């Protein structure tokens, strides 16, 4: 998994339109947050299922 900072930097470098850049960054943050919440719920579920 690439670093969130690396992905943000790539988006900022490649997107000249500020509004499009903001939208892409927002989508990246939602995706990243969703992945983290999913991992946390999995970790919480493992002991319960045992």
PDB file of N, CA and C in Angstrom:
ATOM      1  N   UNK A   1       0.842  -1.188   0.000  1.00  0.00           N
ATOM      2  CA  UNK A   1       0.000   0.000   0.000  1.00  0.00           C
ATOM      3  C   UNK A   1       0.883   1.245   0.000  1.00  0.00           C
ATOM      4  N   UNK A   2       0.630   2.120  -0.958  1.00  0.00           N
ATOM      5  CA  UNK A   2       1.416   3.341  -1.039  1.00  0.00           C
ATOM      6  C   UNK A   2       1.060   4.268   0.119  1.00  0.00           C
ATOM      7  N   UNK A   3       2.007   5.070   0.505  1.00  0.00           N
ATOM      8  CA  UNK A   3       1.788   6.054   1.565  1.00  0.00           C
ATOM      9  C   UNK A   3       0.733   7.071   1.122  1.00  0.00           C
ATOM     10  N   UNK A   4      -0.120   7.453   2.045  1.00  0.00           N
ATOM     11  CA  UNK A   4      -1.158   8.447   1.747  1.00  0.00           C
ATOM     12  C   UNK A   4      -0.517   9.765   1.305  1.00  0.00           C
ATOM     13  N   UNK A   5       0.623  10.092   1.896  1.00  0.00           N
ATOM     14  CA  UNK A   5       1.328  11.333   1.538  1.00  0.00           C
ATOM     15  C   UNK A   5       1.808  11.260   0.087  1.00  0.00           C
ATOM     16  N   UNK A   6       2.329  10.100  -0.302  1.00  0.00           N
ATOM     17  CA  UNK A   6       2.791   9.915  -1.679  1.00  0.00           C
ATOM     18  C   UNK A   6       1.642  10.067  -2.659  1.00  0.00           C
ATOM     19  N   UNK A   7       0.508   9.458  -2.333  1.00  0.00           N
ATOM     20  CA  UNK A   7      -0.658   9.557  -3.214  1.00  0.00           C
ATOM     21  C   UNK A   7      -1.176  10.989  -3.288  1.00  0.00           C
ATOM     22  N   UNK A   8      -1.203  11.683  -2.163  1.00  0.00           N
ATOM     23  CA  UNK A   8      -1.655  13.081  -2.158  1.00  0.00           C
ATOM     24  C   UNK A   8      -0.727  13.946  -3.005  1.00  0.00           C
ATOM     25  N   UNK A   9       0.560  13.743  -2.848  1.00  0.00           N
ATOM     26  CA  UNK A   9       1.542  14.519  -3.601  1.00  0.00           C
ATOM     27  C   UNK A   9       1.370  14.283  -5.096  1.00  0.00           C
ATOM     28  N   UNK A  10       1.155  13.031  -5.482  1.00  0.00           N
ATOM     29  CA  UNK A  10       0.962  12.688  -6.894  1.00  0.00           C
ATOM     30  C   UNK A  10      -0.273  13.393  -7.464  1.00  0.00           C
ATOM     31  N   UNK A  11      -1.361  13.391  -6.696  1.00  0.00           N
ATOM     32  CA  UNK A  11      -2.591  14.065  -7.142  1.00  0.00           C
ATOM     33  C   UNK A  11      -2.344  15.557  -7.310  1.00  0.00           C
ATOM     34  N   UNK A  12      -1.664  16.167  -6.346  1.00  0.00           N
ATOM     35  CA  UNK A  12      -1.406  17.608  -6.419  1.00  0.00           C
ATOM     36  C   UNK A  12      -0.520  17.958  -7.599  1.00  0.00           C
ATOM     37  N   UNK A  13       0.441  17.092  -7.884  1.00  0.00           N
ATOM     38  CA  UNK A  13       1.353  17.328  -8.997  1.00  0.00           C
ATOM     39  C   UNK A  13       0.654  17.193 -10.351  1.00  0.00           C
ATOM     40  N   UNK A  14      -0.254  16.229 -10.464  1.00  0.00           N
ATOM     41  CA  UNK A  14      -0.848  15.903 -11.762  1.00  0.00           C
ATOM     42  C   UNK A  14      -2.151  16.631 -12.072  1.00  0.00           C
ATOM     43  N   UNK A  15      -2.747  17.314 -11.090  1.00  0.00           N
ATOM     44  CA  UNK A  15      -4.058  17.929 -11.302  1.00  0.00           C
ATOM     45  C   UNK A  15      -3.938  19.447 -11.268  1.00  0.00           C
ATOM     46  N   UNK A  16      -3.996  20.089 -12.435  1.00  0.00           N
ATOM     47  CA  UNK A  16      -3.845  21.549 -12.470  1.00  0.00           C
ATOM     48  C   UNK A  16      -5.082  22.294 -11.958  1.00  0.00           C
ATOM     49  N   UNK A  17      -6.256  21.704 -12.097  1.00  0.00           N
ATOM     50  CA  UNK A  17      -7.496  22.345 -11.674  1.00  0.00           C
ATOM     51  C   UNK A  17      -7.690  22.142 -10.171  1.00  0.00           C
ATOM     52  N   UNK A  18      -7.785  23.235  -9.428  1.00  0.00           N
ATOM     53  CA  UNK A  18      -7.871  23.171  -7.970  1.00  0.00           C
ATOM     54  C   UNK A  18      -9.127  22.439  -7.505  1.00  0.00           C
ATOM     55  N   UNK A  19     -10.251  22.680  -8.144  1.00  0.00           N
ATOM     56  CA  UNK A  19     -11.491  22.010  -7.732  1.00  0.00           C
ATOM     57  C   UNK A  19     -11.418  20.501  -7.979  1.00  0.00           C
ATOM     58  N   UNK A  20     -10.864  20.103  -9.115  1.00  0.00           N
ATOM     59  CA  UNK A  20     -10.707  18.682  -9.411  1.00  0.00           C
ATOM     60  C   UNK A  20      -9.730  18.046  -8.426  1.00  0.00           C
ATOM     61  N   UNK A  21      -8.663  18.780  -8.099  1.00  0.00           N
ATOM     62  CA  UNK A  21      -7.684  18.280  -7.141  1.00  0.00           C
ATOM     63  C   UNK A  21      -8.335  18.065  -5.775  1.00  0.00           C
ATOM     64  N   UNK A  22      -9.129  19.018  -5.334  1.00  0.00           N
ATOM     65  CA  UNK A  22      -9.810  18.895  -4.049  1.00  0.00           C
ATOM     66  C   UNK A  22     -10.736  17.676  -4.028  1.00  0.00           C
ATOM     67  N   UNK A  23     -11.455  17.462  -5.119  1.00  0.00           N
ATOM     68  CA  UNK A  23     -12.366  16.316  -5.201  1.00  0.00           C
ATOM     69  C   UNK A  23     -11.592  14.994  -5.156  1.00  0.00           C
ATOM     70  N   UNK A  24     -10.492  14.929  -5.893  1.00  0.00           N
ATOM     71  CA  UNK A  24      -9.682  13.708  -5.892  1.00  0.00           C
ATOM     72  C   UNK A  24      -9.087  13.447  -4.505  1.00  0.00           C
ATOM     73  N   UNK A  25      -8.623  14.493  -3.846  1.00  0.00           N
ATOM     74  CA  UNK A  25      -8.064  14.340  -2.499  1.00  0.00           C
ATOM     75  C   UNK A  25      -9.136  13.891  -1.507  1.00  0.00           C
ATOM     76  N   UNK A  26     -10.331  14.433  -1.648  1.00  0.00           N
ATOM     77  CA  UNK A  26     -11.429  14.034  -0.780  1.00  0.00           C
ATOM     78  C   UNK A  26     -11.770  12.552  -0.991  1.00  0.00           C
ATOM     79  N   UNK A  27     -11.822  12.112  -2.228  1.00  0.00           N
ATOM     80  CA  UNK A  27     -12.102  10.704  -2.521  1.00  0.00           C
ATOM     81  C   UNK A  27     -11.007   9.803  -1.950  1.00  0.00           C
ATOM     82  N   UNK A  28      -9.763  10.244  -2.068  1.00  0.00           N
ATOM     83  CA  UNK A  28      -8.642   9.488  -1.510  1.00  0.00           C
ATOM     84  C   UNK A  28      -8.772   9.360   0.007  1.00  0.00           C
ATOM     85  N   UNK A  29      -9.124  10.455   0.679  1.00  0.00           N
ATOM     86  CA  UNK A  29      -9.254  10.435   2.141  1.00  0.00           C
ATOM     87  C   UNK A  29     -10.419   9.543   2.573  1.00  0.00           C
ATOM     88  N   UNK A  30     -11.543   9.605   1.865  1.00  0.00           N
ATOM     89  CA  UNK A  30     -12.677   8.728   2.187  1.00  0.00           C
ATOM     90  C   UNK A  30     -12.285   7.260   2.040  1.00  0.00           C
ATOM     91  N   UNK A  31     -11.590   6.959   0.960  1.00  0.00           N
ATOM     92  CA  UNK A  31     -11.163   5.588   0.703  1.00  0.00           C
ATOM     93  C   UNK A  31     -10.191   5.112   1.785  1.00  0.00           C
ATOM     94  N   UNK A  32      -9.234   5.953   2.119  1.00  0.00           N
ATOM     95  CA  UNK A  32      -8.230   5.630   3.137  1.00  0.00           C
ATOM     96  C   UNK A  32      -8.895   5.421   4.494  1.00  0.00           C
ATOM     97  N   UNK A  33      -9.812   6.308   4.858  1.00  0.00           N
ATOM     98  CA  UNK A  33     -10.523   6.196   6.126  1.00  0.00           C
ATOM     99  C   UNK A  33     -11.370   4.926   6.159  1.00  0.00           C
ATOM    100  N   UNK A  34     -12.033   4.634   5.061  1.00  0.00           N
ATOM    101  CA  UNK A  34     -12.858   3.427   4.972  1.00  0.00           C
ATOM    102  C   UNK A  34     -12.010   2.167   5.168  1.00  0.00           C
ATOM    103  N   UNK A  35     -10.849   2.133   4.546  1.00  0.00           N
ATOM    104  CA  UNK A  35      -9.938   0.996   4.712  1.00  0.00           C
ATOM    105  C   UNK A  35      -9.503   0.832   6.167  1.00  0.00           C
ATOM    106  N   UNK A  36      -9.172   1.950   6.819  1.00  0.00           N
ATOM    107  CA  UNK A  36      -8.740   1.897   8.219  1.00  0.00           C
ATOM    108  C   UNK A  36      -9.854   1.421   9.144  1.00  0.00           C
ATOM    109  N   UNK A  37     -11.061   1.899   8.925  1.00  0.00           N
ATOM    110  CA  UNK A  37     -12.197   1.462   9.740  1.00  0.00           C
ATOM    111  C   UNK A  37     -12.449  -0.029   9.518  1.00  0.00           C
ATOM    112  N   UNK A  38     -12.348  -0.479   8.274  1.00  0.00           N
ATOM    113  CA  UNK A  38     -12.512  -1.892   7.968  1.00  0.00           C
ATOM    114  C   UNK A  38     -11.481  -2.751   8.690  1.00  0.00           C
ATOM    115  N   UNK A  39     -10.228  -2.310   8.698  1.00  0.00           N
ATOM    116  CA  UNK A  39      -9.175  -3.034   9.409  1.00  0.00           C
ATOM    117  C   UNK A  39      -9.450  -3.070  10.909  1.00  0.00           C
ATOM    118  N   UNK A  40      -9.878  -1.951  11.471  1.00  0.00           N
ATOM    119  CA  UNK A  40     -10.169  -1.887  12.902  1.00  0.00           C
ATOM    120  C   UNK A  40     -11.314  -2.825  13.269  1.00  0.00           C
ATOM    121  N   UNK A  41     -12.359  -2.839  12.462  1.00  0.00           N
ATOM    122  CA  UNK A  41     -13.488  -3.724  12.742  1.00  0.00           C
ATOM    123  C   UNK A  41     -13.092  -5.195  12.624  1.00  0.00           C
ATOM    124  N   UNK A  42     -12.231  -5.499  11.682  1.00  0.00           N
ATOM    125  CA  UNK A  42     -11.739  -6.873  11.546  1.00  0.00           C
ATOM    126  C   UNK A  42     -10.949  -7.285  12.786  1.00  0.00           C
ATOM    127  N   UNK A  43     -10.099  -6.390  13.270  1.00  0.00           N
ATOM    128  CA  UNK A  43      -9.317  -6.686  14.470  1.00  0.00           C
ATOM    129  C   UNK A  43     -10.219  -6.872  15.692  1.00  0.00           C
ATOM    130  N   UNK A  44     -11.285  -6.099  15.765  1.00  0.00           N
ATOM    131  CA  UNK A  44     -12.219  -6.246  16.882  1.00  0.00           C
ATOM    132  C   UNK A  44     -13.040  -7.522  16.757  1.00  0.00           C
ATOM    133  N   UNK A  45     -13.307  -7.939  15.536  1.00  0.00           N
ATOM    134  CA  UNK A  45     -14.138  -9.113  15.304  1.00  0.00           C
ATOM    135  C   UNK A  45     -13.394 -10.428  15.549  1.00  0.00           C
ATOM    136  N   UNK A  46     -12.086 -10.453  15.309  1.00  0.00           N
ATOM    137  CA  UNK A  46     -11.305 -11.679  15.460  1.00  0.00           C
ATOM    138  C   UNK A  46     -11.429 -12.310  16.847  1.00  0.00           C
ATOM    139  N   UNK A  47     -11.225 -11.561  17.939  1.00  0.00           N
ATOM    140  CA  UNK A  47     -11.361 -12.184  19.259  1.00  0.00           C
ATOM    141  C   UNK A  47     -12.807 -12.624  19.569  1.00  0.00           C
ATOM    142  N   UNK A  48     -13.778 -11.904  19.048  1.00  0.00           N
ATOM    143  CA  UNK A  48     -15.173 -12.229  19.311  1.00  0.00           C
ATOM    144  C   UNK A  48     -15.539 -13.544  18.637  1.00  0.00           C
ATOM    145  N   UNK A  49     -15.045 -13.752  17.404  1.00  0.00           N
ATOM    146  CA  UNK A  49     -15.386 -14.964  16.665  1.00  0.00           C
ATOM    147  C   UNK A  49     -14.713 -16.203  17.228  1.00  0.00           C
ATOM    148  N   UNK A  50     -13.609 -16.012  17.969  1.00  0.00           N
ATOM    149  CA  UNK A  50     -12.912 -17.153  18.586  1.00  0.00           C
ATOM    150  C   UNK A  50     -13.698 -17.585  19.791  1.00  0.00           C
TER     151      UNK A  50
END
